[in-house]
Amino acid sequence: MGQDIELKRAYEPAAADDGFRIYVDRLWPRGLSHATFHYDLWDKEIAPSSELREWFHADPQNRWAEFEQRYSAELKVNPAFAALRQTLAGRPKVTLLYSSHDHEHNNAVVLASALTGHKSH
C-alpha cells in the first residue's frame, strides 16, 4: 500500500503525527472514556473473532504462531478487511490502536502485516 502504518497502545496519548487512528479491538479499552479516547474509526469487525480471541488469551505465550495464522485466515475472508483497505487508500499515515499490554503479540501486529503484505515475525 505504500503507507506508513504505526502501532500504538490505546492508552498512549494521541499525537499530531498519528495520522488516521483506528481502534482495532472488538472490546472497548478498559478504563478509557469515550470522551477522552481519540480515534477516527473503531472497526470491531476487523478484530479477531471472539472465539479466536478467547482461545489466544488462554495461552498467548504458546499460541502466538497459530494465532497469527488463524487471524490472517480470518482476515482473508472478512469483508471488513477489504472495506478497511479501501478506507485507508490514499491515507499516508495510519495508526492502529490496540489495548493489549503485549506490544509484539496482539491482533494489531497481524493486521498491520496483512495491510502491508509483510510477515509480522
PDB file of N, CA and C in Angstrom:
ATOM      1  N   MET A   1       0.820  -1.193   0.000  1.00  0.00           N
ATOM      2  CA  MET A   1       0.000   0.000   0.000  1.00  0.00           C
ATOM      3  C   MET A   1       0.864   1.257   0.000  1.00  0.00           C
ATOM      4  N   GLY A   2       2.107   1.138   0.442  1.00  0.00           N
ATOM      5  CA  GLY A   2       2.988   2.275   0.425  1.00  0.00           C
ATOM      6  C   GLY A   2       2.661   3.342   1.448  1.00  0.00           C
ATOM      7  N   GLN A   3       2.035   2.942   2.523  1.00  0.00           N
ATOM      8  CA  GLN A   3       1.733   3.933   3.552  1.00  0.00           C
ATOM      9  C   GLN A   3       2.449   3.579   4.841  1.00  0.00           C
ATOM     10  N   ASP A   4       2.546   4.554   5.689  1.00  0.00           N
ATOM     11  CA  ASP A   4       3.200   4.391   6.979  1.00  0.00           C
ATOM     12  C   ASP A   4       2.149   3.903   7.976  1.00  0.00           C
ATOM     13  N   ILE A   5       2.322   2.684   8.480  1.00  0.00           N
ATOM     14  CA  ILE A   5       1.397   2.125   9.465  1.00  0.00           C
ATOM     15  C   ILE A   5       2.140   1.965  10.782  1.00  0.00           C
ATOM     16  N   GLU A   6       1.646   2.632  11.788  1.00  0.00           N
ATOM     17  CA  GLU A   6       2.217   2.571  13.131  1.00  0.00           C
ATOM     18  C   GLU A   6       1.267   1.802  14.036  1.00  0.00           C
ATOM     19  N   LEU A   7       1.812   1.255  15.107  1.00  0.00           N
ATOM     20  CA  LEU A   7       1.028   0.575  16.131  1.00  0.00           C
ATOM     21  C   LEU A   7       1.199   1.343  17.431  1.00  0.00           C
ATOM     22  N   LYS A   8       0.103   1.474  18.163  1.00  0.00           N
ATOM     23  CA  LYS A   8       0.165   2.246  19.402  1.00  0.00           C
ATOM     24  C   LYS A   8      -0.884   1.712  20.369  1.00  0.00           C
ATOM     25  N   ARG A   9      -0.508   1.639  21.615  1.00  0.00           N
ATOM     26  CA  ARG A   9      -1.458   1.239  22.644  1.00  0.00           C
ATOM     27  C   ARG A   9      -2.525   2.310  22.793  1.00  0.00           C
ATOM     28  N   ALA A  10      -3.758   1.900  22.951  1.00  0.00           N
ATOM     29  CA  ALA A  10      -4.877   2.830  23.089  1.00  0.00           C
ATOM     30  C   ALA A  10      -4.688   3.773  24.275  1.00  0.00           C
ATOM     31  N   TYR A  11      -3.934   3.343  25.261  1.00  0.00           N
ATOM     32  CA  TYR A  11      -3.744   4.126  26.483  1.00  0.00           C
ATOM     33  C   TYR A  11      -2.685   5.216  26.332  1.00  0.00           C
ATOM     34  N   GLU A  12      -1.930   5.182  25.233  1.00  0.00           N
ATOM     35  CA  GLU A  12      -0.934   6.224  24.978  1.00  0.00           C
ATOM     36  C   GLU A  12      -1.656   7.453  24.420  1.00  0.00           C
ATOM     37  N   PRO A  13      -1.175   8.651  24.758  1.00  0.00           N
ATOM     38  CA  PRO A  13      -1.851   9.848  24.259  1.00  0.00           C
ATOM     39  C   PRO A  13      -1.767   9.974  22.736  1.00  0.00           C
ATOM     40  N   ALA A  14      -2.788  10.568  22.160  1.00  0.00           N
ATOM     41  CA  ALA A  14      -2.791  10.834  20.725  1.00  0.00           C
ATOM     42  C   ALA A  14      -1.707  11.853  20.410  1.00  0.00           C
ATOM     43  N   ALA A  15      -1.113  11.708  19.232  1.00  0.00           N
ATOM     44  CA  ALA A  15      -0.082  12.649  18.794  1.00  0.00           C
ATOM     45  C   ALA A  15      -0.499  13.247  17.453  1.00  0.00           C
ATOM     46  N   ALA A  16      -0.034  14.433  17.186  1.00  0.00           N
ATOM     47  CA  ALA A  16      -0.385  15.126  15.949  1.00  0.00           C
ATOM     48  C   ALA A  16       0.038  14.340  14.708  1.00  0.00           C
ATOM     49  N   ASP A  17       1.117  13.554  14.825  1.00  0.00           N
ATOM     50  CA  ASP A  17       1.605  12.820  13.651  1.00  0.00           C
ATOM     51  C   ASP A  17       1.085  11.377  13.574  1.00  0.00           C
ATOM     52  N   ASP A  18       0.019  11.058  14.318  1.00  0.00           N
ATOM     53  CA  ASP A  18      -0.570   9.713  14.265  1.00  0.00           C
ATOM     54  C   ASP A  18      -1.294   9.451  12.948  1.00  0.00           C
ATOM     55  N   GLY A  19      -1.715  10.479  12.272  1.00  0.00           N
ATOM     56  CA  GLY A  19      -2.500  10.276  11.059  1.00  0.00           C
ATOM     57  C   GLY A  19      -3.888   9.768  11.396  1.00  0.00           C
ATOM     58  N   PHE A  20      -4.401   8.890  10.561  1.00  0.00           N
ATOM     59  CA  PHE A  20      -5.742   8.319  10.733  1.00  0.00           C
ATOM     60  C   PHE A  20      -5.663   7.230  11.800  1.00  0.00           C
ATOM     61  N   ARG A  21      -6.392   7.394  12.898  1.00  0.00           N
ATOM     62  CA  ARG A  21      -6.303   6.495  14.053  1.00  0.00           C
ATOM     63  C   ARG A  21      -7.478   5.514  14.052  1.00  0.00           C
ATOM     64  N   ILE A  22      -7.148   4.212  14.055  1.00  0.00           N
ATOM     65  CA  ILE A  22      -8.178   3.171  14.041  1.00  0.00           C
ATOM     66  C   ILE A  22      -8.008   2.274  15.253  1.00  0.00           C
ATOM     67  N   TYR A  23      -9.062   2.167  16.051  1.00  0.00           N
ATOM     68  CA  TYR A  23      -9.055   1.220  17.168  1.00  0.00           C
ATOM     69  C   TYR A  23      -9.499  -0.121  16.607  1.00  0.00           C
ATOM     70  N   VAL A  24      -8.669  -1.169  16.773  1.00  0.00           N
ATOM     71  CA  VAL A  24      -8.885  -2.435  16.067  1.00  0.00           C
ATOM     72  C   VAL A  24      -9.252  -3.610  16.974  1.00  0.00           C
ATOM     73  N   ASP A  25      -9.665  -3.348  18.207  1.00  0.00           N
ATOM     74  CA  ASP A  25     -10.100  -4.413  19.107  1.00  0.00           C
ATOM     75  C   ASP A  25     -11.626  -4.481  19.130  1.00  0.00           C
ATOM     76  N   ARG A  26     -12.145  -5.651  19.432  1.00  0.00           N
ATOM     77  CA  ARG A  26     -13.593  -5.844  19.491  1.00  0.00           C
ATOM     78  C   ARG A  26     -14.188  -5.228  20.758  1.00  0.00           C
ATOM     79  N   LEU A  27     -13.402  -5.242  21.841  1.00  0.00           N
ATOM     80  CA  LEU A  27     -13.890  -4.743  23.128  1.00  0.00           C
ATOM     81  C   LEU A  27     -13.325  -3.356  23.414  1.00  0.00           C
ATOM     82  N   TRP A  28     -14.130  -2.516  24.039  1.00  0.00           N
ATOM     83  CA  TRP A  28     -13.685  -1.171  24.408  1.00  0.00           C
ATOM     84  C   TRP A  28     -12.532  -1.267  25.410  1.00  0.00           C
ATOM     85  N   PRO A  29     -11.520  -0.397  25.306  1.00  0.00           N
ATOM     86  CA  PRO A  29     -10.385  -0.467  26.239  1.00  0.00           C
ATOM     87  C   PRO A  29     -10.809  -0.111  27.666  1.00  0.00           C
ATOM     88  N   ARG A  30     -10.556  -1.020  28.560  1.00  0.00           N
ATOM     89  CA  ARG A  30     -10.951  -0.876  29.958  1.00  0.00           C
ATOM     90  C   ARG A  30     -10.391   0.417  30.552  1.00  0.00           C
ATOM     91  N   GLY A  31     -11.258   1.176  31.188  1.00  0.00           N
ATOM     92  CA  GLY A  31     -10.834   2.380  31.901  1.00  0.00           C
ATOM     93  C   GLY A  31     -10.747   3.638  31.061  1.00  0.00           C
ATOM     94  N   LEU A  32     -10.921   3.536  29.744  1.00  0.00           N
ATOM     95  CA  LEU A  32     -10.868   4.735  28.908  1.00  0.00           C
ATOM     96  C   LEU A  32     -12.273   5.272  28.665  1.00  0.00           C
ATOM     97  N   SER A  33     -12.394   6.573  28.722  1.00  0.00           N
ATOM     98  CA  SER A  33     -13.691   7.193  28.484  1.00  0.00           C
ATOM     99  C   SER A  33     -13.861   7.504  27.005  1.00  0.00           C
ATOM    100  N   HIS A  34     -15.104   7.426  26.543  1.00  0.00           N
ATOM    101  CA  HIS A  34     -15.395   7.740  25.145  1.00  0.00           C
ATOM    102  C   HIS A  34     -15.050   9.196  24.834  1.00  0.00           C
ATOM    103  N   ALA A  35     -15.112  10.045  25.821  1.00  0.00           N
ATOM    104  CA  ALA A  35     -14.852  11.473  25.621  1.00  0.00           C
ATOM    105  C   ALA A  35     -13.368  11.787  25.466  1.00  0.00           C
ATOM    106  N   THR A  36     -12.507  10.964  26.055  1.00  0.00           N
ATOM    107  CA  THR A  36     -11.078  11.296  26.034  1.00  0.00           C
ATOM    108  C   THR A  36     -10.243  10.418  25.107  1.00  0.00           C
ATOM    109  N   PHE A  37     -10.797   9.293  24.651  1.00  0.00           N
ATOM    110  CA  PHE A  37     -10.055   8.409  23.748  1.00  0.00           C
ATOM    111  C   PHE A  37     -10.243   8.917  22.320  1.00  0.00           C
ATOM    112  N   HIS A  38      -9.147   9.303  21.694  1.00  0.00           N
ATOM    113  CA  HIS A  38      -9.214   9.901  20.361  1.00  0.00           C
ATOM    114  C   HIS A  38      -8.913   8.865  19.284  1.00  0.00           C
ATOM    115  N   TYR A  39      -9.907   8.617  18.448  1.00  0.00           N
ATOM    116  CA  TYR A  39      -9.758   7.706  17.316  1.00  0.00           C
ATOM    117  C   TYR A  39     -10.658   8.210  16.192  1.00  0.00           C
ATOM    118  N   ASP A  40     -10.306   7.863  14.973  1.00  0.00           N
ATOM    119  CA  ASP A  40     -11.104   8.256  13.814  1.00  0.00           C
ATOM    120  C   ASP A  40     -12.096   7.169  13.418  1.00  0.00           C
ATOM    121  N   LEU A  41     -11.761   5.927  13.746  1.00  0.00           N
ATOM    122  CA  LEU A  41     -12.612   4.799  13.384  1.00  0.00           C
ATOM    123  C   LEU A  41     -12.424   3.700  14.415  1.00  0.00           C
ATOM    124  N   TRP A  42     -13.533   3.102  14.852  1.00  0.00           N
ATOM    125  CA  TRP A  42     -13.475   1.896  15.674  1.00  0.00           C
ATOM    126  C   TRP A  42     -14.101   0.808  14.832  1.00  0.00           C
ATOM    127  N   ASP A  43     -13.296  -0.103  14.365  1.00  0.00           N
ATOM    128  CA  ASP A  43     -13.759  -1.153  13.471  1.00  0.00           C
ATOM    129  C   ASP A  43     -13.759  -2.489  14.206  1.00  0.00           C
ATOM    130  N   LYS A  44     -14.838  -2.779  14.911  1.00  0.00           N
ATOM    131  CA  LYS A  44     -14.948  -4.034  15.673  1.00  0.00           C
ATOM    132  C   LYS A  44     -14.884  -5.257  14.765  1.00  0.00           C
ATOM    133  N   GLU A  45     -15.404  -5.113  13.557  1.00  0.00           N
ATOM    134  CA  GLU A  45     -15.488  -6.262  12.650  1.00  0.00           C
ATOM    135  C   GLU A  45     -14.132  -6.688  12.099  1.00  0.00           C
ATOM    136  N   ILE A  46     -13.128  -5.824  12.212  1.00  0.00           N
ATOM    137  CA  ILE A  46     -11.791  -6.171  11.722  1.00  0.00           C
ATOM    138  C   ILE A  46     -11.015  -6.968  12.780  1.00  0.00           C
ATOM    139  N   ALA A  47     -11.503  -6.965  13.999  1.00  0.00           N
ATOM    140  CA  ALA A  47     -10.851  -7.677  15.106  1.00  0.00           C
ATOM    141  C   ALA A  47     -11.005  -9.190  14.930  1.00  0.00           C
ATOM    142  N   PRO A  48     -10.165  -9.958  15.604  1.00  0.00           N
ATOM    143  CA  PRO A  48     -10.339 -11.421  15.561  1.00  0.00           C
ATOM    144  C   PRO A  48     -11.713 -11.800  16.100  1.00  0.00           C
ATOM    145  N   SER A  49     -12.223 -12.935  15.640  1.00  0.00           N
ATOM    146  CA  SER A  49     -13.496 -13.434  16.161  1.00  0.00           C
ATOM    147  C   SER A  49     -13.376 -13.611  17.677  1.00  0.00           C
ATOM    148  N   SER A  50     -14.493 -13.549  18.350  1.00  0.00           N
ATOM    149  CA  SER A  50     -14.485 -13.727  19.807  1.00  0.00           C
ATOM    150  C   SER A  50     -13.883 -15.071  20.186  1.00  0.00           C
ATOM    151  N   GLU A  51     -14.214 -16.103  19.416  1.00  0.00           N
ATOM    152  CA  GLU A  51     -13.688 -17.439  19.698  1.00  0.00           C
ATOM    153  C   GLU A  51     -12.168 -17.458  19.585  1.00  0.00           C
ATOM    154  N   LEU A  52     -11.630 -16.854  18.544  1.00  0.00           N
ATOM    155  CA  LEU A  52     -10.182 -16.835  18.357  1.00  0.00           C
ATOM    156  C   LEU A  52      -9.504 -16.010  19.447  1.00  0.00           C
ATOM    157  N   ARG A  53     -10.069 -14.873  19.767  1.00  0.00           N
ATOM    158  CA  ARG A  53      -9.502 -14.010  20.808  1.00  0.00           C
ATOM    159  C   ARG A  53      -9.452 -14.744  22.144  1.00  0.00           C
ATOM    160  N   GLU A  54     -10.541 -15.403  22.515  1.00  0.00           N
ATOM    161  CA  GLU A  54     -10.590 -16.130  23.789  1.00  0.00           C
ATOM    162  C   GLU A  54      -9.604 -17.292  23.796  1.00  0.00           C
ATOM    163  N   TRP A  55      -9.513 -18.010  22.678  1.00  0.00           N
ATOM    164  CA  TRP A  55      -8.565 -19.125  22.571  1.00  0.00           C
ATOM    165  C   TRP A  55      -7.134 -18.617  22.762  1.00  0.00           C
ATOM    166  N   PHE A  56      -6.785 -17.530  22.085  1.00  0.00           N
ATOM    167  CA  PHE A  56      -5.427 -16.974  22.170  1.00  0.00           C
ATOM    168  C   PHE A  56      -5.110 -16.492  23.574  1.00  0.00           C
ATOM    169  N   HIS A  57      -6.028 -15.782  24.192  1.00  0.00           N
ATOM    170  CA  HIS A  57      -5.761 -15.216  25.520  1.00  0.00           C
ATOM    171  C   HIS A  57      -5.637 -16.268  26.614  1.00  0.00           C
ATOM    172  N   ALA A  58      -6.072 -17.489  26.350  1.00  0.00           N
ATOM    173  CA  ALA A  58      -5.922 -18.561  27.329  1.00  0.00           C
ATOM    174  C   ALA A  58      -4.461 -18.980  27.486  1.00  0.00           C
ATOM    175  N   ASP A  59      -3.646 -18.796  26.446  1.00  0.00           N
ATOM    176  CA  ASP A  59      -2.227 -19.184  26.491  1.00  0.00           C
ATOM    177  C   ASP A  59      -1.436 -18.429  25.426  1.00  0.00           C
ATOM    178  N   PRO A  60      -1.328 -17.104  25.557  1.00  0.00           N
ATOM    179  CA  PRO A  60      -0.697 -16.316  24.496  1.00  0.00           C
ATOM    180  C   PRO A  60       0.770 -16.660  24.230  1.00  0.00           C
ATOM    181  N   GLN A  61       1.499 -17.075  25.236  1.00  0.00           N
ATOM    182  CA  GLN A  61       2.917 -17.397  25.041  1.00  0.00           C
ATOM    183  C   GLN A  61       3.114 -18.545  24.050  1.00  0.00           C
ATOM    184  N   ASN A  62       2.253 -19.541  24.130  1.00  0.00           N
ATOM    185  CA  ASN A  62       2.415 -20.737  23.313  1.00  0.00           C
ATOM    186  C   ASN A  62       1.544 -20.756  22.058  1.00  0.00           C
ATOM    187  N   ARG A  63       0.629 -19.808  21.936  1.00  0.00           N
ATOM    188  CA  ARG A  63      -0.314 -19.844  20.820  1.00  0.00           C
ATOM    189  C   ARG A  63      -0.101 -18.727  19.796  1.00  0.00           C
ATOM    190  N   TRP A  64       0.951 -17.931  19.941  1.00  0.00           N
ATOM    191  CA  TRP A  64       1.134 -16.786  19.054  1.00  0.00           C
ATOM    192  C   TRP A  64       1.232 -17.184  17.580  1.00  0.00           C
ATOM    193  N   ALA A  65       2.084 -18.130  17.241  1.00  0.00           N
ATOM    194  CA  ALA A  65       2.284 -18.506  15.835  1.00  0.00           C
ATOM    195  C   ALA A  65       0.978 -18.997  15.218  1.00  0.00           C
ATOM    196  N   GLU A  66       0.240 -19.805  15.954  1.00  0.00           N
ATOM    197  CA  GLU A  66      -1.029 -20.303  15.416  1.00  0.00           C
ATOM    198  C   GLU A  66      -2.071 -19.193  15.364  1.00  0.00           C
ATOM    199  N   PHE A  67      -2.043 -18.285  16.339  1.00  0.00           N
ATOM    200  CA  PHE A  67      -2.956 -17.138  16.312  1.00  0.00           C
ATOM    201  C   PHE A  67      -2.717 -16.306  15.049  1.00  0.00           C
ATOM    202  N   GLU A  68      -1.444 -16.047  14.731  1.00  0.00           N
ATOM    203  CA  GLU A  68      -1.114 -15.288  13.511  1.00  0.00           C
ATOM    204  C   GLU A  68      -1.734 -15.948  12.279  1.00  0.00           C
ATOM    205  N   GLN A  69      -1.586 -17.255  12.189  1.00  0.00           N
ATOM    206  CA  GLN A  69      -2.117 -17.993  11.037  1.00  0.00           C
ATOM    207  C   GLN A  69      -3.641 -17.933  11.000  1.00  0.00           C
ATOM    208  N   ARG A  70      -4.270 -18.189  12.137  1.00  0.00           N
ATOM    209  CA  ARG A  70      -5.735 -18.210  12.186  1.00  0.00           C
ATOM    210  C   ARG A  70      -6.337 -16.835  11.919  1.00  0.00           C
ATOM    211  N   TYR A  71      -5.754 -15.800  12.519  1.00  0.00           N
ATOM    212  CA  TYR A  71      -6.284 -14.451  12.314  1.00  0.00           C
ATOM    213  C   TYR A  71      -6.055 -13.995  10.869  1.00  0.00           C
ATOM    214  N   SER A  72      -4.904 -14.312  10.305  1.00  0.00           N
ATOM    215  CA  SER A  72      -4.650 -13.989   8.898  1.00  0.00           C
ATOM    216  C   SER A  72      -5.675 -14.664   7.994  1.00  0.00           C
ATOM    217  N   ALA A  73      -6.016 -15.911   8.312  1.00  0.00           N
ATOM    218  CA  ALA A  73      -7.024 -16.638   7.531  1.00  0.00           C
ATOM    219  C   ALA A  73      -8.395 -15.972   7.682  1.00  0.00           C
ATOM    220  N   GLU A  74      -8.722 -15.530   8.892  1.00  0.00           N
ATOM    221  CA  GLU A  74      -9.995 -14.815   9.097  1.00  0.00           C
ATOM    222  C   GLU A  74     -10.030 -13.541   8.260  1.00  0.00           C
ATOM    223  N   LEU A  75      -8.919 -12.807   8.248  1.00  0.00           N
ATOM    224  CA  LEU A  75      -8.885 -11.547   7.506  1.00  0.00           C
ATOM    225  C   LEU A  75      -9.109 -11.764   6.011  1.00  0.00           C
ATOM    226  N   LYS A  76      -8.568 -12.839   5.467  1.00  0.00           N
ATOM    227  CA  LYS A  76      -8.688 -13.090   4.026  1.00  0.00           C
ATOM    228  C   LYS A  76     -10.131 -13.218   3.572  1.00  0.00           C
ATOM    229  N   VAL A  77     -11.005 -13.686   4.459  1.00  0.00           N
ATOM    230  CA  VAL A  77     -12.410 -13.885   4.085  1.00  0.00           C
ATOM    231  C   VAL A  77     -13.344 -12.871   4.758  1.00  0.00           C
ATOM    232  N   ASN A  78     -12.772 -11.915   5.445  1.00  0.00           N
ATOM    233  CA  ASN A  78     -13.566 -10.922   6.178  1.00  0.00           C
ATOM    234  C   ASN A  78     -13.846  -9.716   5.285  1.00  0.00           C
ATOM    235  N   PRO A  79     -15.130  -9.452   4.965  1.00  0.00           N
ATOM    236  CA  PRO A  79     -15.452  -8.286   4.133  1.00  0.00           C
ATOM    237  C   PRO A  79     -14.990  -6.974   4.767  1.00  0.00           C
ATOM    238  N   ALA A  80     -14.875  -6.930   6.096  1.00  0.00           N
ATOM    239  CA  ALA A  80     -14.420  -5.716   6.780  1.00  0.00           C
ATOM    240  C   ALA A  80     -12.965  -5.410   6.428  1.00  0.00           C
ATOM    241  N   PHE A  81     -12.169  -6.432   6.128  1.00  0.00           N
ATOM    242  CA  PHE A  81     -10.769  -6.207   5.758  1.00  0.00           C
ATOM    243  C   PHE A  81     -10.684  -5.494   4.408  1.00  0.00           C
ATOM    244  N   ALA A  82     -11.455  -5.953   3.437  1.00  0.00           N
ATOM    245  CA  ALA A  82     -11.480  -5.297   2.129  1.00  0.00           C
ATOM    246  C   ALA A  82     -11.986  -3.857   2.266  1.00  0.00           C
ATOM    247  N   ALA A  83     -13.005  -3.667   3.093  1.00  0.00           N
ATOM    248  CA  ALA A  83     -13.545  -2.322   3.307  1.00  0.00           C
ATOM    249  C   ALA A  83     -12.508  -1.418   3.975  1.00  0.00           C
ATOM    250  N   LEU A  84     -11.760  -1.972   4.925  1.00  0.00           N
ATOM    251  CA  LEU A  84     -10.729  -1.188   5.600  1.00  0.00           C
ATOM    252  C   LEU A  84      -9.640  -0.764   4.618  1.00  0.00           C
ATOM    253  N   ARG A  85      -9.242  -1.663   3.749  1.00  0.00           N
ATOM    254  CA  ARG A  85      -8.221  -1.325   2.750  1.00  0.00           C
ATOM    255  C   ARG A  85      -8.683  -0.142   1.896  1.00  0.00           C
ATOM    256  N   GLN A  86      -9.956  -0.135   1.545  1.00  0.00           N
ATOM    257  CA  GLN A  86     -10.498   0.982   0.763  1.00  0.00           C
ATOM    258  C   GLN A  86     -10.511   2.269   1.584  1.00  0.00           C
ATOM    259  N   THR A  87     -10.896   2.157   2.844  1.00  0.00           N
ATOM    260  CA  THR A  87     -10.932   3.327   3.731  1.00  0.00           C
ATOM    261  C   THR A  87      -9.551   3.942   3.868  1.00  0.00           C
ATOM    262  N   LEU A  88      -8.527   3.092   3.897  1.00  0.00           N
ATOM    263  CA  LEU A  88      -7.166   3.574   4.113  1.00  0.00           C
ATOM    264  C   LEU A  88      -6.465   4.037   2.838  1.00  0.00           C
ATOM    265  N   ALA A  89      -7.040   3.734   1.692  1.00  0.00           N
ATOM    266  CA  ALA A  89      -6.427   4.128   0.422  1.00  0.00           C
ATOM    267  C   ALA A  89      -6.230   5.640   0.392  1.00  0.00           C
ATOM    268  N   GLY A  90      -5.022   6.059   0.041  1.00  0.00           N
ATOM    269  CA  GLY A  90      -4.719   7.477  -0.057  1.00  0.00           C
ATOM    270  C   GLY A  90      -4.365   8.150   1.257  1.00  0.00           C
ATOM    271  N   ARG A  91      -4.401   7.409   2.350  1.00  0.00           N
ATOM    272  CA  ARG A  91      -4.008   7.982   3.641  1.00  0.00           C
ATOM    273  C   ARG A  91      -2.529   7.665   3.873  1.00  0.00           C
ATOM    274  N   PRO A  92      -1.683   8.681   3.935  1.00  0.00           N
ATOM    275  CA  PRO A  92      -0.245   8.419   4.046  1.00  0.00           C
ATOM    276  C   PRO A  92       0.175   7.851   5.394  1.00  0.00           C
ATOM    277  N   LYS A  93      -0.553   8.142   6.453  1.00  0.00           N
ATOM    278  CA  LYS A  93      -0.168   7.684   7.796  1.00  0.00           C
ATOM    279  C   LYS A  93      -1.398   7.134   8.514  1.00  0.00           C
ATOM    280  N   VAL A  94      -1.246   5.927   9.045  1.00  0.00           N
ATOM    281  CA  VAL A  94      -2.314   5.252   9.771  1.00  0.00           C
ATOM    282  C   VAL A  94      -1.727   4.725  11.075  1.00  0.00           C
ATOM    283  N   THR A  95      -2.462   4.887  12.158  1.00  0.00           N
ATOM    284  CA  THR A  95      -2.050   4.316  13.437  1.00  0.00           C
ATOM    285  C   THR A  95      -3.119   3.331  13.883  1.00  0.00           C
ATOM    286  N   LEU A  96      -2.712   2.076  14.069  1.00  0.00           N
ATOM    287  CA  LEU A  96      -3.610   1.041  14.577  1.00  0.00           C
ATOM    288  C   LEU A  96      -3.499   1.035  16.091  1.00  0.00           C
ATOM    289  N   LEU A  97      -4.613   1.207  16.751  1.00  0.00           N
ATOM    290  CA  LEU A  97      -4.660   1.275  18.211  1.00  0.00           C
ATOM    291  C   LEU A  97      -5.177  -0.041  18.774  1.00  0.00           C
ATOM    292  N   TYR A  98      -4.525  -0.516  19.818  1.00  0.00           N
ATOM    293  CA  TYR A  98      -4.895  -1.781  20.459  1.00  0.00           C
ATOM    294  C   TYR A  98      -4.793  -1.598  21.971  1.00  0.00           C
ATOM    295  N   SER A  99      -5.422  -2.481  22.733  1.00  0.00           N
ATOM    296  CA  SER A  99      -5.402  -2.326  24.190  1.00  0.00           C
ATOM    297  C   SER A  99      -4.484  -3.313  24.905  1.00  0.00           C
ATOM    298  N   SER A 100      -3.956  -4.296  24.222  1.00  0.00           N
ATOM    299  CA  SER A 100      -3.101  -5.309  24.838  1.00  0.00           C
ATOM    300  C   SER A 100      -1.870  -4.703  25.503  1.00  0.00           C
ATOM    301  N   HIS A 101      -1.424  -5.345  26.580  1.00  0.00           N
ATOM    302  CA  HIS A 101      -0.178  -4.937  27.236  1.00  0.00           C
ATOM    303  C   HIS A 101       1.045  -5.401  26.438  1.00  0.00           C
ATOM    304  N   ASP A 102       0.867  -6.443  25.640  1.00  0.00           N
ATOM    305  CA  ASP A 102       1.958  -7.036  24.875  1.00  0.00           C
ATOM    306  C   ASP A 102       2.077  -6.311  23.533  1.00  0.00           C
ATOM    307  N   HIS A 103       3.166  -5.579  23.356  1.00  0.00           N
ATOM    308  CA  HIS A 103       3.354  -4.768  22.154  1.00  0.00           C
ATOM    309  C   HIS A 103       3.704  -5.594  20.921  1.00  0.00           C
ATOM    310  N   GLU A 104       4.189  -6.805  21.106  1.00  0.00           N
ATOM    311  CA  GLU A 104       4.650  -7.613  19.980  1.00  0.00           C
ATOM    312  C   GLU A 104       3.701  -8.734  19.591  1.00  0.00           C
ATOM    313  N   HIS A 105       2.789  -9.089  20.484  1.00  0.00           N
ATOM    314  CA  HIS A 105       1.903 -10.225  20.239  1.00  0.00           C
ATOM    315  C   HIS A 105       0.449  -9.797  20.451  1.00  0.00           C
ATOM    316  N   ASN A 106      -0.107  -9.136  19.447  1.00  0.00           N
ATOM    317  CA  ASN A 106      -1.504  -8.713  19.520  1.00  0.00           C
ATOM    318  C   ASN A 106      -2.065  -8.633  18.107  1.00  0.00           C
ATOM    319  N   ASN A 107      -3.369  -8.506  17.999  1.00  0.00           N
ATOM    320  CA  ASN A 107      -4.010  -8.534  16.686  1.00  0.00           C
ATOM    321  C   ASN A 107      -3.592  -7.371  15.786  1.00  0.00           C
ATOM    322  N   ALA A 108      -3.226  -6.226  16.347  1.00  0.00           N
ATOM    323  CA  ALA A 108      -2.799  -5.089  15.523  1.00  0.00           C
ATOM    324  C   ALA A 108      -1.524  -5.426  14.760  1.00  0.00           C
ATOM    325  N   VAL A 109      -0.640  -6.216  15.355  1.00  0.00           N
ATOM    326  CA  VAL A 109       0.603  -6.634  14.690  1.00  0.00           C
ATOM    327  C   VAL A 109       0.259  -7.456  13.446  1.00  0.00           C
ATOM    328  N   VAL A 110      -0.660  -8.394  13.592  1.00  0.00           N
ATOM    329  CA  VAL A 110      -1.056  -9.250  12.468  1.00  0.00           C
ATOM    330  C   VAL A 110      -1.788  -8.424  11.411  1.00  0.00           C
ATOM    331  N   LEU A 111      -2.670  -7.532  11.854  1.00  0.00           N
ATOM    332  CA  LEU A 111      -3.419  -6.696  10.922  1.00  0.00           C
ATOM    333  C   LEU A 111      -2.480  -5.790  10.117  1.00  0.00           C
ATOM    334  N   ALA A 112      -1.516  -5.189  10.780  1.00  0.00           N
ATOM    335  CA  ALA A 112      -0.554  -4.334  10.074  1.00  0.00           C
ATOM    336  C   ALA A 112       0.195  -5.144   9.025  1.00  0.00           C
ATOM    337  N   SER A 113       0.582  -6.360   9.363  1.00  0.00           N
ATOM    338  CA  SER A 113       1.279  -7.229   8.407  1.00  0.00           C
ATOM    339  C   SER A 113       0.387  -7.542   7.211  1.00  0.00           C
ATOM    340  N   ALA A 114      -0.881  -7.802   7.480  1.00  0.00           N
ATOM    341  CA  ALA A 114      -1.813  -8.106   6.389  1.00  0.00           C
ATOM    342  C   ALA A 114      -2.018  -6.885   5.486  1.00  0.00           C
ATOM    343  N   LEU A 115      -2.050  -5.708   6.081  1.00  0.00           N
ATOM    344  CA  LEU A 115      -2.246  -4.480   5.300  1.00  0.00           C
ATOM    345  C   LEU A 115      -1.023  -4.145   4.440  1.00  0.00           C
ATOM    346  N   THR A 116       0.158  -4.434   4.951  1.00  0.00           N
ATOM    347  CA  THR A 116       1.380  -4.101   4.222  1.00  0.00           C
ATOM    348  C   THR A 116       1.890  -5.249   3.366  1.00  0.00           C
ATOM    349  N   GLY A 117       1.407  -6.451   3.632  1.00  0.00           N
ATOM    350  CA  GLY A 117       1.872  -7.610   2.881  1.00  0.00           C
ATOM    351  C   GLY A 117       3.164  -8.186   3.393  1.00  0.00           C
ATOM    352  N   HIS A 118       3.576  -7.782   4.594  1.00  0.00           N
ATOM    353  CA  HIS A 118       4.802  -8.303   5.209  1.00  0.00           C
ATOM    354  C   HIS A 118       4.467  -9.205   6.374  1.00  0.00           C
ATOM    355  N   LYS A 119       5.233 -10.252   6.560  1.00  0.00           N
ATOM    356  CA  LYS A 119       5.047 -11.145   7.704  1.00  0.00           C
ATOM    357  C   LYS A 119       5.449 -10.413   8.979  1.00  0.00           C
ATOM    358  N   SER A 120       4.689 -10.602  10.065  1.00  0.00           N
ATOM    359  CA  SER A 120       4.934  -9.857  11.287  1.00  0.00           C
ATOM    360  C   SER A 120       6.203 -10.297  12.014  1.00  0.00           C
ATOM    361  N   HIS A 121       6.539 -11.565  12.054  1.00  0.00           N
ATOM    362  CA  HIS A 121       7.765 -12.024  12.732  1.00  0.00           C
ATOM    363  C   HIS A 121       8.320 -13.213  12.050  1.00  0.00           C
TER     364      HIS A 121
END
